[in-house]
Amino acid sequence: MPAELDVTFDFRLGVEEDHVQFENQLKDWCTQAGGGITIDYILKEPKTPATAIDASNPYWMAMKNVFDKMYVFRLSRTSYHKLNNRALRGVLSFSVIFNMAQSA
């Protein structure tokens, strides 16, 4: 049995998730597992609000206006995970994902 075990998880919380509550749950699980377990974050981003898809967002309005002029059907929804555009193209002939996340 190894003296140490490293495990990596990729958690991507939804816009409605409580980050503090989720982190506390992780800490509780570590305690319940017997202690001696540490959590090291490779990347921990602060909670951010969902991207506005209304007149307050000039980027959204620019896209909406173009789509409206082209008579393109638009389905606006919040995805609670990282949505892969390829998955949408398997069902639809055309898809655009508008994401305000900053690229590294």
PDB file of N, CA and C in Angstrom:
ATOM      1  N   MET A   1       0.839  -1.164   0.000  1.00  0.00           N
ATOM      2  CA  MET A   1       0.000   0.000   0.000  1.00  0.00           C
ATOM      3  C   MET A   1       0.893   1.239   0.000  1.00  0.00           C
ATOM      4  N   PRO A   2       0.652   2.163  -0.924  1.00  0.00           N
ATOM      5  CA  PRO A   2       1.482   3.374  -0.950  1.00  0.00           C
ATOM      6  C   PRO A   2       1.235   4.249   0.276  1.00  0.00           C
ATOM      7  N   ALA A   3       2.271   4.968   0.673  1.00  0.00           N
ATOM      8  CA  ALA A   3       2.142   5.861   1.832  1.00  0.00           C
ATOM      9  C   ALA A   3       1.298   7.082   1.498  1.00  0.00           C
ATOM     10  N   GLU A   4       1.231   7.440   0.220  1.00  0.00           N
ATOM     11  CA  GLU A   4       0.489   8.635  -0.189  1.00  0.00           C
ATOM     12  C   GLU A   4      -0.212   8.370  -1.509  1.00  0.00           C
ATOM     13  N   LEU A   5      -1.387   8.920  -1.650  1.00  0.00           N
ATOM     14  CA  LEU A   5      -2.167   8.755  -2.864  1.00  0.00           C
ATOM     15  C   LEU A   5      -2.635  10.137  -3.311  1.00  0.00           C
ATOM     16  N   ASP A   6      -2.374  10.479  -4.558  1.00  0.00           N
ATOM     17  CA  ASP A   6      -2.841  11.747  -5.121  1.00  0.00           C
ATOM     18  C   ASP A   6      -3.988  11.460  -6.078  1.00  0.00           C
ATOM     19  N   VAL A   7      -5.075  12.205  -5.910  1.00  0.00           N
ATOM     20  CA  VAL A   7      -6.245  12.063  -6.766  1.00  0.00           C
ATOM     21  C   VAL A   7      -6.624  13.452  -7.252  1.00  0.00           C
ATOM     22  N   THR A   8      -6.982  13.557  -8.519  1.00  0.00           N
ATOM     23  CA  THR A   8      -7.378  14.850  -9.090  1.00  0.00           C
ATOM     24  C   THR A   8      -8.839  14.785  -9.516  1.00  0.00           C
ATOM     25  N   PHE A   9      -9.593  15.789  -9.132  1.00  0.00           N
ATOM     26  CA  PHE A   9     -10.990  15.926  -9.531  1.00  0.00           C
ATOM     27  C   PHE A   9     -11.165  17.266 -10.237  1.00  0.00           C
ATOM     28  N   ASP A  10     -12.039  17.301 -11.204  1.00  0.00           N
ATOM     29  CA  ASP A  10     -12.359  18.530 -11.921  1.00  0.00           C
ATOM     30  C   ASP A  10     -13.824  18.856 -11.622  1.00  0.00           C
ATOM     31  N   PHE A  11     -14.043  19.781 -10.691  1.00  0.00           N
ATOM     32  CA  PHE A  11     -15.404  20.194 -10.343  1.00  0.00           C
ATOM     33  C   PHE A  11     -15.710  21.501 -11.047  1.00  0.00           C
ATOM     34  N   ARG A  12     -16.810  21.544 -11.729  1.00  0.00           N
ATOM     35  CA  ARG A  12     -17.269  22.768 -12.396  1.00  0.00           C
ATOM     36  C   ARG A  12     -18.676  23.039 -11.876  1.00  0.00           C
ATOM     37  N   LEU A  13     -18.758  23.987 -10.968  1.00  0.00           N
ATOM     38  CA  LEU A  13     -20.021  24.248 -10.291  1.00  0.00           C
ATOM     39  C   LEU A  13     -20.925  25.128 -11.139  1.00  0.00           C
ATOM     40  N   GLY A  14     -22.212  24.867 -11.030  1.00  0.00           N
ATOM     41  CA  GLY A  14     -23.194  25.672 -11.735  1.00  0.00           C
ATOM     42  C   GLY A  14     -23.313  27.062 -11.141  1.00  0.00           C
ATOM     43  N   VAL A  15     -23.926  27.957 -11.889  1.00  0.00           N
ATOM     44  CA  VAL A  15     -24.048  29.348 -11.449  1.00  0.00           C
ATOM     45  C   VAL A  15     -24.894  29.487 -10.188  1.00  0.00           C
ATOM     46  N   GLU A  16     -25.727  28.507  -9.900  1.00  0.00           N
ATOM     47  CA  GLU A  16     -26.583  28.583  -8.719  1.00  0.00           C
ATOM     48  C   GLU A  16     -26.003  27.842  -7.521  1.00  0.00           C
ATOM     49  N   GLU A  17     -24.870  27.172  -7.705  1.00  0.00           N
ATOM     50  CA  GLU A  17     -24.247  26.426  -6.615  1.00  0.00           C
ATOM     51  C   GLU A  17     -23.616  27.365  -5.596  1.00  0.00           C
ATOM     52  N   ASP A  18     -23.683  26.980  -4.348  1.00  0.00           N
ATOM     53  CA  ASP A  18     -23.045  27.722  -3.263  1.00  0.00           C
ATOM     54  C   ASP A  18     -21.632  27.173  -3.100  1.00  0.00           C
ATOM     55  N   HIS A  19     -20.637  27.955  -3.496  1.00  0.00           N
ATOM     56  CA  HIS A  19     -19.246  27.490  -3.473  1.00  0.00           C
ATOM     57  C   HIS A  19     -18.768  27.175  -2.057  1.00  0.00           C
ATOM     58  N   VAL A  20     -19.150  27.993  -1.093  1.00  0.00           N
ATOM     59  CA  VAL A  20     -18.726  27.780   0.296  1.00  0.00           C
ATOM     60  C   VAL A  20     -19.326  26.480   0.823  1.00  0.00           C
ATOM     61  N   GLN A  21     -20.596  26.266   0.566  1.00  0.00           N
ATOM     62  CA  GLN A  21     -21.258  25.046   1.012  1.00  0.00           C
ATOM     63  C   GLN A  21     -20.614  23.814   0.362  1.00  0.00           C
ATOM     64  N   PHE A  22     -20.280  23.903  -0.912  1.00  0.00           N
ATOM     65  CA  PHE A  22     -19.652  22.783  -1.601  1.00  0.00           C
ATOM     66  C   PHE A  22     -18.277  22.479  -1.004  1.00  0.00           C
ATOM     67  N   GLU A  23     -17.487  23.516  -0.755  1.00  0.00           N
ATOM     68  CA  GLU A  23     -16.165  23.313  -0.167  1.00  0.00           C
ATOM     69  C   GLU A  23     -16.272  22.728   1.239  1.00  0.00           C
ATOM     70  N   ASN A  24     -17.249  23.197   2.008  1.00  0.00           N
ATOM     71  CA  ASN A  24     -17.462  22.639   3.349  1.00  0.00           C
ATOM     72  C   ASN A  24     -17.848  21.166   3.279  1.00  0.00           C
ATOM     73  N   GLN A  25     -18.631  20.790   2.268  1.00  0.00           N
ATOM     74  CA  GLN A  25     -19.009  19.388   2.086  1.00  0.00           C
ATOM     75  C   GLN A  25     -17.772  18.543   1.802  1.00  0.00           C
ATOM     76  N   LEU A  26     -16.870  19.051   0.952  1.00  0.00           N
ATOM     77  CA  LEU A  26     -15.627  18.335   0.664  1.00  0.00           C
ATOM     78  C   LEU A  26     -14.809  18.138   1.940  1.00  0.00           C
ATOM     79  N   LYS A  27     -14.699  19.193   2.744  1.00  0.00           N
ATOM     80  CA  LYS A  27     -13.945  19.107   4.002  1.00  0.00           C
ATOM     81  C   LYS A  27     -14.585  18.098   4.953  1.00  0.00           C
ATOM     82  N   ASP A  28     -15.917  18.088   5.016  1.00  0.00           N
ATOM     83  CA  ASP A  28     -16.623  17.124   5.867  1.00  0.00           C
ATOM     84  C   ASP A  28     -16.327  15.692   5.425  1.00  0.00           C
ATOM     85  N   TRP A  29     -16.335  15.446   4.125  1.00  0.00           N
ATOM     86  CA  TRP A  29     -16.039  14.106   3.621  1.00  0.00           C
ATOM     87  C   TRP A  29     -14.620  13.685   3.997  1.00  0.00           C
ATOM     88  N   CYS A  30     -13.681  14.630   3.898  1.00  0.00           N
ATOM     89  CA  CYS A  30     -12.292  14.318   4.265  1.00  0.00           C
ATOM     90  C   CYS A  30     -12.192  13.953   5.740  1.00  0.00           C
ATOM     91  N   THR A  31     -12.928  14.673   6.580  1.00  0.00           N
ATOM     92  CA  THR A  31     -12.934  14.377   8.014  1.00  0.00           C
ATOM     93  C   THR A  31     -13.567  13.012   8.282  1.00  0.00           C
ATOM     94  N   GLN A  32     -14.694  12.742   7.630  1.00  0.00           N
ATOM     95  CA  GLN A  32     -15.389  11.471   7.814  1.00  0.00           C
ATOM     96  C   GLN A  32     -14.550  10.286   7.332  1.00  0.00           C
ATOM     97  N   ALA A  33     -13.658  10.548   6.383  1.00  0.00           N
ATOM     98  CA  ALA A  33     -12.811   9.478   5.845  1.00  0.00           C
ATOM     99  C   ALA A  33     -11.670   9.124   6.785  1.00  0.00           C
ATOM    100  N   GLY A  34     -11.546   9.858   7.878  1.00  0.00           N
ATOM    101  CA  GLY A  34     -10.531   9.511   8.862  1.00  0.00           C
ATOM    102  C   GLY A  34      -9.469  10.565   9.079  1.00  0.00           C
ATOM    103  N   GLY A  35      -9.581  11.674   8.406  1.00  0.00           N
ATOM    104  CA  GLY A  35      -8.608  12.748   8.603  1.00  0.00           C
ATOM    105  C   GLY A  35      -7.309  12.481   7.876  1.00  0.00           C
ATOM    106  N   GLY A  36      -6.389  13.424   7.998  1.00  0.00           N
ATOM    107  CA  GLY A  36      -5.106  13.305   7.323  1.00  0.00           C
ATOM    108  C   GLY A  36      -5.191  13.509   5.826  1.00  0.00           C
ATOM    109  N   ILE A  37      -6.327  13.986   5.366  1.00  0.00           N
ATOM    110  CA  ILE A  37      -6.546  14.224   3.933  1.00  0.00           C
ATOM    111  C   ILE A  37      -6.508  15.728   3.702  1.00  0.00           C
ATOM    112  N   THR A  38      -5.727  16.131   2.704  1.00  0.00           N
ATOM    113  CA  THR A  38      -5.635  17.561   2.384  1.00  0.00           C
ATOM    114  C   THR A  38      -6.203  17.824   1.003  1.00  0.00           C
ATOM    115  N   ILE A  39      -6.658  19.035   0.811  1.00  0.00           N
ATOM    116  CA  ILE A  39      -7.175  19.470  -0.483  1.00  0.00           C
ATOM    117  C   ILE A  39      -6.256  20.577  -0.983  1.00  0.00           C
ATOM    118  N   ASP A  40      -5.648  20.347  -2.126  1.00  0.00           N
ATOM    119  CA  ASP A  40      -4.820  21.356  -2.790  1.00  0.00           C
ATOM    120  C   ASP A  40      -5.500  21.720  -4.093  1.00  0.00           C
ATOM    121  N   TYR A  41      -5.684  23.008  -4.331  1.00  0.00           N
ATOM    122  CA  TYR A  41      -6.360  23.468  -5.534  1.00  0.00           C
ATOM    123  C   TYR A  41      -5.339  23.832  -6.607  1.00  0.00           C
ATOM    124  N   ILE A  42      -5.500  23.253  -7.790  1.00  0.00           N
ATOM    125  CA  ILE A  42      -4.679  23.651  -8.934  1.00  0.00           C
ATOM    126  C   ILE A  42      -5.183  24.999  -9.434  1.00  0.00           C
ATOM    127  N   LEU A  43      -6.494  25.122  -9.513  1.00  0.00           N
ATOM    128  CA  LEU A  43      -7.132  26.373  -9.930  1.00  0.00           C
ATOM    129  C   LEU A  43      -8.449  26.477  -9.187  1.00  0.00           C
ATOM    130  N   LYS A  44      -8.643  27.572  -8.509  1.00  0.00           N
ATOM    131  CA  LYS A  44      -9.887  27.798  -7.779  1.00  0.00           C
ATOM    132  C   LYS A  44     -10.381  29.193  -8.137  1.00  0.00           C
ATOM    133  N   GLU A  45     -11.446  29.233  -8.903  1.00  0.00           N
ATOM    134  CA  GLU A  45     -11.974  30.504  -9.371  1.00  0.00           C
ATOM    135  C   GLU A  45     -13.125  30.963  -8.481  1.00  0.00           C
ATOM    136  N   PRO A  46     -13.279  32.264  -8.327  1.00  0.00           N
ATOM    137  CA  PRO A  46     -14.386  32.768  -7.518  1.00  0.00           C
ATOM    138  C   PRO A  46     -15.724  32.556  -8.234  1.00  0.00           C
ATOM    139  N   LYS A  47     -16.767  32.549  -7.456  1.00  0.00           N
ATOM    140  CA  LYS A  47     -18.106  32.425  -8.031  1.00  0.00           C
ATOM    141  C   LYS A  47     -18.407  33.672  -8.856  1.00  0.00           C
ATOM    142  N   THR A  48     -18.908  33.463 -10.040  1.00  0.00           N
ATOM    143  CA  THR A  48     -19.263  34.582 -10.910  1.00  0.00           C
ATOM    144  C   THR A  48     -20.725  34.444 -11.321  1.00  0.00           C
ATOM    145  N   PRO A  49     -21.380  35.560 -11.562  1.00  0.00           N
ATOM    146  CA  PRO A  49     -22.790  35.483 -11.963  1.00  0.00           C
ATOM    147  C   PRO A  49     -22.919  34.959 -13.392  1.00  0.00           C
ATOM    148  N   ALA A  50     -24.096  34.477 -13.711  1.00  0.00           N
ATOM    149  CA  ALA A  50     -24.375  34.037 -15.077  1.00  0.00           C
ATOM    150  C   ALA A  50     -24.283  35.236 -16.015  1.00  0.00           C
ATOM    151  N   THR A  51     -23.885  34.973 -17.247  1.00  0.00           N
ATOM    152  CA  THR A  51     -23.806  36.028 -18.252  1.00  0.00           C
ATOM    153  C   THR A  51     -25.208  36.547 -18.552  1.00  0.00           C
ATOM    154  N   ALA A  52     -25.351  37.852 -18.517  1.00  0.00           N
ATOM    155  CA  ALA A  52     -26.656  38.463 -18.803  1.00  0.00           C
ATOM    156  C   ALA A  52     -26.984  38.323 -20.285  1.00  0.00           C
ATOM    157  N   ILE A  53     -28.183  37.886 -20.578  1.00  0.00           N
ATOM    158  CA  ILE A  53     -28.639  37.827 -21.970  1.00  0.00           C
ATOM    159  C   ILE A  53     -29.858  38.728 -22.106  1.00  0.00           C
ATOM    160  N   ASP A  54     -29.573  40.005 -21.863  1.00  0.00           N
ATOM    161  CA  ASP A  54     -30.595  41.030 -21.995  1.00  0.00           C
ATOM    162  C   ASP A  54     -29.915  42.306 -22.487  1.00  0.00           C
ATOM    163  N   ALA A  55     -30.646  43.401 -22.499  1.00  0.00           N
ATOM    164  CA  ALA A  55     -30.134  44.663 -23.042  1.00  0.00           C
ATOM    165  C   ALA A  55     -28.950  45.228 -22.258  1.00  0.00           C
ATOM    166  N   SER A  56     -28.679  44.718 -21.068  1.00  0.00           N
ATOM    167  CA  SER A  56     -27.550  45.224 -20.289  1.00  0.00           C
ATOM    168  C   SER A  56     -26.206  44.704 -20.810  1.00  0.00           C
ATOM    169  N   ASN A  57     -26.224  43.724 -21.683  1.00  0.00           N
ATOM    170  CA  ASN A  57     -24.990  43.129 -22.209  1.00  0.00           C
ATOM    171  C   ASN A  57     -24.852  43.482 -23.690  1.00  0.00           C
ATOM    172  N   PRO A  58     -23.951  44.422 -24.023  1.00  0.00           N
ATOM    173  CA  PRO A  58     -23.824  44.850 -25.422  1.00  0.00           C
ATOM    174  C   PRO A  58     -23.350  43.738 -26.353  1.00  0.00           C
ATOM    175  N   TYR A  59     -22.565  42.791 -25.861  1.00  0.00           N
ATOM    176  CA  TYR A  59     -22.102  41.690 -26.705  1.00  0.00           C
ATOM    177  C   TYR A  59     -23.257  40.770 -27.085  1.00  0.00           C
ATOM    178  N   TRP A  60     -24.085  40.477 -26.096  1.00  0.00           N
ATOM    179  CA  TRP A  60     -25.262  39.649 -26.365  1.00  0.00           C
ATOM    180  C   TRP A  60     -26.204  40.353 -27.329  1.00  0.00           C
ATOM    181  N   MET A  61     -26.425  41.633 -27.127  1.00  0.00           N
ATOM    182  CA  MET A  61     -27.349  42.372 -27.988  1.00  0.00           C
ATOM    183  C   MET A  61     -26.843  42.412 -29.432  1.00  0.00           C
ATOM    184  N   ALA A  62     -25.541  42.547 -29.612  1.00  0.00           N
ATOM    185  CA  ALA A  62     -24.989  42.554 -30.970  1.00  0.00           C
ATOM    186  C   ALA A  62     -25.269  41.211 -31.655  1.00  0.00           C
ATOM    187  N   MET A  63     -25.037  40.110 -30.949  1.00  0.00           N
ATOM    188  CA  MET A  63     -25.313  38.795 -31.532  1.00  0.00           C
ATOM    189  C   MET A  63     -26.801  38.592 -31.764  1.00  0.00           C
ATOM    190  N   LYS A  64     -27.609  38.983 -30.795  1.00  0.00           N
ATOM    191  CA  LYS A  64     -29.058  38.818 -30.917  1.00  0.00           C
ATOM    192  C   LYS A  64     -29.587  39.576 -32.133  1.00  0.00           C
ATOM    193  N   ASN A  65     -29.120  40.798 -32.320  1.00  0.00           N
ATOM    194  CA  ASN A  65     -29.580  41.603 -33.448  1.00  0.00           C
ATOM    195  C   ASN A  65     -29.215  40.964 -34.781  1.00  0.00           C
ATOM    196  N   VAL A  66     -28.020  40.413 -34.882  1.00  0.00           N
ATOM    197  CA  VAL A  66     -27.609  39.729 -36.118  1.00  0.00           C
ATOM    198  C   VAL A  66     -28.472  38.498 -36.335  1.00  0.00           C
ATOM    199  N   PHE A  67     -28.672  37.715 -35.297  1.00  0.00           N
ATOM    200  CA  PHE A  67     -29.501  36.519 -35.429  1.00  0.00           C
ATOM    201  C   PHE A  67     -30.931  36.881 -35.810  1.00  0.00           C
ATOM    202  N   ASP A  68     -31.460  37.937 -35.201  1.00  0.00           N
ATOM    203  CA  ASP A  68     -32.824  38.360 -35.531  1.00  0.00           C
ATOM    204  C   ASP A  68     -32.931  38.763 -37.006  1.00  0.00           C
ATOM    205  N   LYS A  69     -31.936  39.488 -37.515  1.00  0.00           N
ATOM    206  CA  LYS A  69     -31.951  39.915 -38.925  1.00  0.00           C
ATOM    207  C   LYS A  69     -31.843  38.715 -39.860  1.00  0.00           C
ATOM    208  N   MET A  70     -31.162  37.665 -39.415  1.00  0.00           N
ATOM    209  CA  MET A  70     -30.992  36.458 -40.236  1.00  0.00           C
ATOM    210  C   MET A  70     -32.139  35.465 -40.032  1.00  0.00           C
ATOM    211  N   TYR A  71     -33.088  35.798 -39.158  1.00  0.00           N
ATOM    212  CA  TYR A  71     -34.196  34.900 -38.817  1.00  0.00           C
ATOM    213  C   TYR A  71     -33.664  33.556 -38.298  1.00  0.00           C
ATOM    214  N   VAL A  72     -32.628  33.613 -37.479  1.00  0.00           N
ATOM    215  CA  VAL A  72     -32.046  32.408 -36.900  1.00  0.00           C
ATOM    216  C   VAL A  72     -32.759  32.115 -35.588  1.00  0.00           C
ATOM    217  N   PHE A  73     -33.237  30.871 -35.458  1.00  0.00           N
ATOM    218  CA  PHE A  73     -33.865  30.445 -34.215  1.00  0.00           C
ATOM    219  C   PHE A  73     -32.807  30.414 -33.124  1.00  0.00           C
ATOM    220  N   ARG A  74     -33.171  30.898 -31.976  1.00  0.00           N
ATOM    221  CA  ARG A  74     -32.222  31.021 -30.880  1.00  0.00           C
ATOM    222  C   ARG A  74     -32.846  30.405 -29.630  1.00  0.00           C
ATOM    223  N   LEU A  75     -32.096  29.499 -29.018  1.00  0.00           N
ATOM    224  CA  LEU A  75     -32.522  28.896 -27.755  1.00  0.00           C
ATOM    225  C   LEU A  75     -31.525  29.340 -26.705  1.00  0.00           C
ATOM    226  N   SER A  76     -31.972  30.143 -25.771  1.00  0.00           N
ATOM    227  CA  SER A  76     -31.091  30.657 -24.722  1.00  0.00           C
ATOM    228  C   SER A  76     -31.326  29.848 -23.457  1.00  0.00           C
ATOM    229  N   ARG A  77     -30.235  29.277 -22.943  1.00  0.00           N
ATOM    230  CA  ARG A  77     -30.362  28.502 -21.726  1.00  0.00           C
ATOM    231  C   ARG A  77     -29.058  28.555 -20.952  1.00  0.00           C
ATOM    232  N   THR A  78     -29.149  28.285 -19.672  1.00  0.00           N
ATOM    233  CA  THR A  78     -27.970  28.186 -18.831  1.00  0.00           C
ATOM    234  C   THR A  78     -27.570  26.735 -18.767  1.00  0.00           C
ATOM    235  N   SER A  79     -26.334  26.475 -19.092  1.00  0.00           N
ATOM    236  CA  SER A  79     -25.818  25.115 -19.034  1.00  0.00           C
ATOM    237  C   SER A  79     -25.092  24.943 -17.711  1.00  0.00           C
ATOM    238  N   TYR A  80     -25.422  23.916 -16.966  1.00  0.00           N
ATOM    239  CA  TYR A  80     -24.830  23.689 -15.655  1.00  0.00           C
ATOM    240  C   TYR A  80     -23.556  22.861 -15.735  1.00  0.00           C
ATOM    241  N   HIS A  81     -22.948  22.836 -16.877  1.00  0.00           N
ATOM    242  CA  HIS A  81     -21.683  22.159 -17.083  1.00  0.00           C
ATOM    243  C   HIS A  81     -21.035  22.783 -18.306  1.00  0.00           C
ATOM    244  N   LYS A  82     -19.837  22.414 -18.572  1.00  0.00           N
ATOM    245  CA  LYS A  82     -19.181  22.901 -19.787  1.00  0.00           C
ATOM    246  C   LYS A  82     -19.815  22.166 -20.958  1.00  0.00           C
ATOM    247  N   LEU A  83     -20.486  22.894 -21.803  1.00  0.00           N
ATOM    248  CA  LEU A  83     -21.202  22.289 -22.912  1.00  0.00           C
ATOM    249  C   LEU A  83     -20.288  22.219 -24.130  1.00  0.00           C
ATOM    250  N   ASN A  84     -20.235  21.090 -24.740  1.00  0.00           N
ATOM    251  CA  ASN A  84     -19.410  20.890 -25.913  1.00  0.00           C
ATOM    252  C   ASN A  84     -20.232  21.184 -27.154  1.00  0.00           C
ATOM    253  N   ASN A  85     -19.743  22.093 -27.985  1.00  0.00           N
ATOM    254  CA  ASN A  85     -20.461  22.483 -29.188  1.00  0.00           C
ATOM    255  C   ASN A  85     -20.639  21.303 -30.140  1.00  0.00           C
ATOM    256  N   ARG A  86     -19.692  20.363 -30.129  1.00  0.00           N
ATOM    257  CA  ARG A  86     -19.816  19.187 -30.994  1.00  0.00           C
ATOM    258  C   ARG A  86     -21.051  18.365 -30.642  1.00  0.00           C
ATOM    259  N   ALA A  87     -21.384  18.317 -29.361  1.00  0.00           N
ATOM    260  CA  ALA A  87     -22.570  17.562 -28.943  1.00  0.00           C
ATOM    261  C   ALA A  87     -23.832  18.200 -29.514  1.00  0.00           C
ATOM    262  N   LEU A  88     -23.871  19.532 -29.524  1.00  0.00           N
ATOM    263  CA  LEU A  88     -25.032  20.218 -30.102  1.00  0.00           C
ATOM    264  C   LEU A  88     -25.108  20.022 -31.611  1.00  0.00           C
ATOM    265  N   ARG A  89     -23.965  20.061 -32.276  1.00  0.00           N
ATOM    266  CA  ARG A  89     -23.962  19.894 -33.734  1.00  0.00           C
ATOM    267  C   ARG A  89     -24.417  18.500 -34.135  1.00  0.00           C
ATOM    268  N   GLY A  90     -24.335  17.534 -33.215  1.00  0.00           N
ATOM    269  CA  GLY A  90     -24.833  16.205 -33.521  1.00  0.00           C
ATOM    270  C   GLY A  90     -26.343  16.181 -33.635  1.00  0.00           C
ATOM    271  N   VAL A  91     -27.006  17.162 -33.016  1.00  0.00           N
ATOM    272  CA  VAL A  91     -28.462  17.225 -33.028  1.00  0.00           C
ATOM    273  C   VAL A  91     -28.959  18.340 -33.938  1.00  0.00           C
ATOM    274  N   LEU A  92     -28.225  19.445 -33.968  1.00  0.00           N
ATOM    275  CA  LEU A  92     -28.601  20.613 -34.761  1.00  0.00           C
ATOM    276  C   LEU A  92     -27.636  20.773 -35.929  1.00  0.00           C
ATOM    277  N   SER A  93     -28.043  21.513 -36.941  1.00  0.00           N
ATOM    278  CA  SER A  93     -27.140  21.740 -38.059  1.00  0.00           C
ATOM    279  C   SER A  93     -26.183  22.899 -37.785  1.00  0.00           C
ATOM    280  N   PHE A  94     -26.526  23.767 -36.842  1.00  0.00           N
ATOM    281  CA  PHE A  94     -25.703  24.937 -36.552  1.00  0.00           C
ATOM    282  C   PHE A  94     -25.872  25.296 -35.081  1.00  0.00           C
ATOM    283  N   SER A  95     -24.781  25.618 -34.434  1.00  0.00           N
ATOM    284  CA  SER A  95     -24.891  26.015 -33.033  1.00  0.00           C
ATOM    285  C   SER A  95     -23.788  27.000 -32.689  1.00  0.00           C
ATOM    286  N   VAL A  96     -24.103  27.901 -31.790  1.00  0.00           N
ATOM    287  CA  VAL A  96     -23.155  28.875 -31.284  1.00  0.00           C
ATOM    288  C   VAL A  96     -23.259  28.872 -29.770  1.00  0.00           C
ATOM    289  N   ILE A  97     -22.131  28.808 -29.103  1.00  0.00           N
ATOM    290  CA  ILE A  97     -22.134  28.890 -27.662  1.00  0.00           C
ATOM    291  C   ILE A  97     -21.506  30.223 -27.284  1.00  0.00           C
ATOM    292  N   PHE A  98     -22.236  31.033 -26.567  1.00  0.00           N
ATOM    293  CA  PHE A  98     -21.775  32.335 -26.109  1.00  0.00           C
ATOM    294  C   PHE A  98     -21.337  32.188 -24.681  1.00  0.00           C
ATOM    295  N   ASN A  99     -20.048  32.358 -24.464  1.00  0.00           N
ATOM    296  CA  ASN A  99     -19.484  32.151 -23.133  1.00  0.00           C
ATOM    297  C   ASN A  99     -18.578  33.325 -22.802  1.00  0.00           C
ATOM    298  N   MET A 100     -18.865  33.982 -21.686  1.00  0.00           N
ATOM    299  CA  MET A 100     -18.072  35.152 -21.300  1.00  0.00           C
ATOM    300  C   MET A 100     -16.855  34.780 -20.457  1.00  0.00           C
ATOM    301  N   ALA A 101     -16.590  33.487 -20.283  1.00  0.00           N
ATOM    302  CA  ALA A 101     -15.436  33.076 -19.488  1.00  0.00           C
ATOM    303  C   ALA A 101     -14.156  33.566 -20.134  1.00  0.00           C
ATOM    304  N   GLN A 102     -13.223  34.011 -19.321  1.00  0.00           N
ATOM    305  CA  GLN A 102     -11.959  34.492 -19.846  1.00  0.00           C
ATOM    306  C   GLN A 102     -11.098  33.316 -20.251  1.00  0.00           C
ATOM    307  N   SER A 103     -10.422  33.460 -21.379  1.00  0.00           N
ATOM    308  CA  SER A 103      -9.488  32.427 -21.822  1.00  0.00           C
ATOM    309  C   SER A 103      -8.143  32.662 -21.184  1.00  0.00           C
ATOM    310  N   ALA A 104      -7.502  31.594 -20.786  1.00  0.00           N
ATOM    311  CA  ALA A 104      -6.181  31.711 -20.156  1.00  0.00           C
ATOM    312  C   ALA A 104      -5.099  31.794 -21.197  1.00  0.00           C
TER     313      ALA A 104
END
